[in-house]
Amino acid sequence: MTDAPVCPSLKVMYHTFGCKLNFAETASVAGRMADRGHLKASGNDIPDLIIINSCSVTAEADRKCRSTIRSFNRRYPAAAVVVTGCYAQLKPDELASLPGVKAVVGVNDKLRIPEIAEDAWLRGSALPPQFPEAKDLRDFMPSCSRGDRTRFFLKVQDGCDYWCSYCTIPKARGRSRSGSIADIVAQARQAAAQGGREIVITGVNIGDFGHGRDDTFFDLCKALDQVDGIDRYRISSIEPNLLTDDIIDFVAASKRFMPHFHIPLQCGSDAVLALMRRRYDTGLFARKVERIRSIMPDAFIGVDLIVGARGETAERFEESRSFVESLDISHLHVFPYSERPGTRALDIDGQVDQAEKHRRADTMIGISAAKHSAFAGRFVGTVRPVLLEHSRIGQPLGGFTDNYLRVKADVDPTLDNKVVNMRLVSLLGDGETLQAVLAD
């Protein structure tokens, strides 16, 4: 009886689409591959293996993924391509048919990507994709990884039970589930030991942390706040109905949790929010923004917004535009609505044509640019703590203030990955980035 062939050390390229959660998971996969002796492809390396973590939040995200796979296959025809992520879970056969794809890995099998990838490379032929239904996606894959960034991404939760009418993520990610507080705190301590200074708390619906248990996201925040060595935490996107006053007050009092919030609004019309099956109205959203501003006037508040959803008439769009303009926020992340197969939104009347979607997106992007520039401009001449990062020869260090203002600074490269007080001296041409110097 002969032993199974041993996979040699492979050069592996990683490509990630979508959210911070995907970046965290890709970094974890890369770490597992490195533990098995595989090297990350860099520079002019020709990869043996390409691992793609896909997104399927919009039809455009699907298109970009397909286009990227074809491009990689043309450039590296001998490389085996392995695809995972939400698109892989939702449409495995579609991805499996693309040139160069040797394996399509569902959500439950992400922990097994190294073994699957090695098998696909050794066989040289495609492995058939096999996936459980979304209701069976219950395993929690822990992840706290730096990847190529200075900050760490700490995955605390996965899946979603909300079933908004436009969204396929519950099908792709499964039921809401989360790790234990003890395990997550241990990962944060390990990040600190590896030199991490900032952690971004990620998940699909992080405010739902502890679902089915007695602990809550607020309990997790309090536990993480006690970890020595981490200077900064940032809360990634959190649903407005789950952003409790206790959490807001806690962030205001904490020295480690930054004054930075990202809150999905999706539409500023209550009628459209109801069609979307969102769990709040504009009144609740406005109260959350007002509470943040009342106790953290310098806080950065980013907002997700969908334009051109089914049922968003011209009048309802004007309601949304007016509401958004009334909010004291810092930035909008604008998405034109995308039809997703199998969603309840397809049963809603009032489809908006593509040209009008893009016109509405341009309107909201213009509002965002004005708000971001005004917010950043408020801090010219002030001193803020900045985590400097990514020193490159011939390039100044960059970084973010505590309240998420991007800065550039011509300072000593040895300050990379250090938090220093900096004076913000001018707003650069993009209207968002500030030139900074070391404070006296």
Foldseek 3Di string as FASTA:
>chain_A
DDDDDDFDAWAEEEEEDDDPVRVQLSQVLVVVSVVSPHHHDDDPDQGQEYEYAADPFFVVSVVVVLVVLQVNCVVRVNHAYEYEYQCLLVCVVVVLPHRRHQYRDAPQCSVVVNVVRSVSSVVVHHDDDDHDWQQPQADDDWGWGQPPHLAIEGEFKEADDQQFQQGDRCRRTHHIAGDDLVVSLVSLLVCLVVLRAEYEYDYPAQQCGQPVHDDGSLNSVVSNLPRPRHQAYEYEEHELVSCDPSNLVCLLPGRHYFLEYEYEPAFQFQVVCVNRSRDDHLVSVQVVQVSNCVRPVLAAYEYEYEPQQAPCDPVRLVSRLVSVLPGLHAAYDYDYRHHDPPGNSVVGHHGDDPVVSVVSRVSVRVSRLVRNLVSVVVQAFHKFKWQWADDDVPAFTWTAGSNGQIEGERDDPVSHRPIAIWHFHDQDDSSGYTYIYGDD
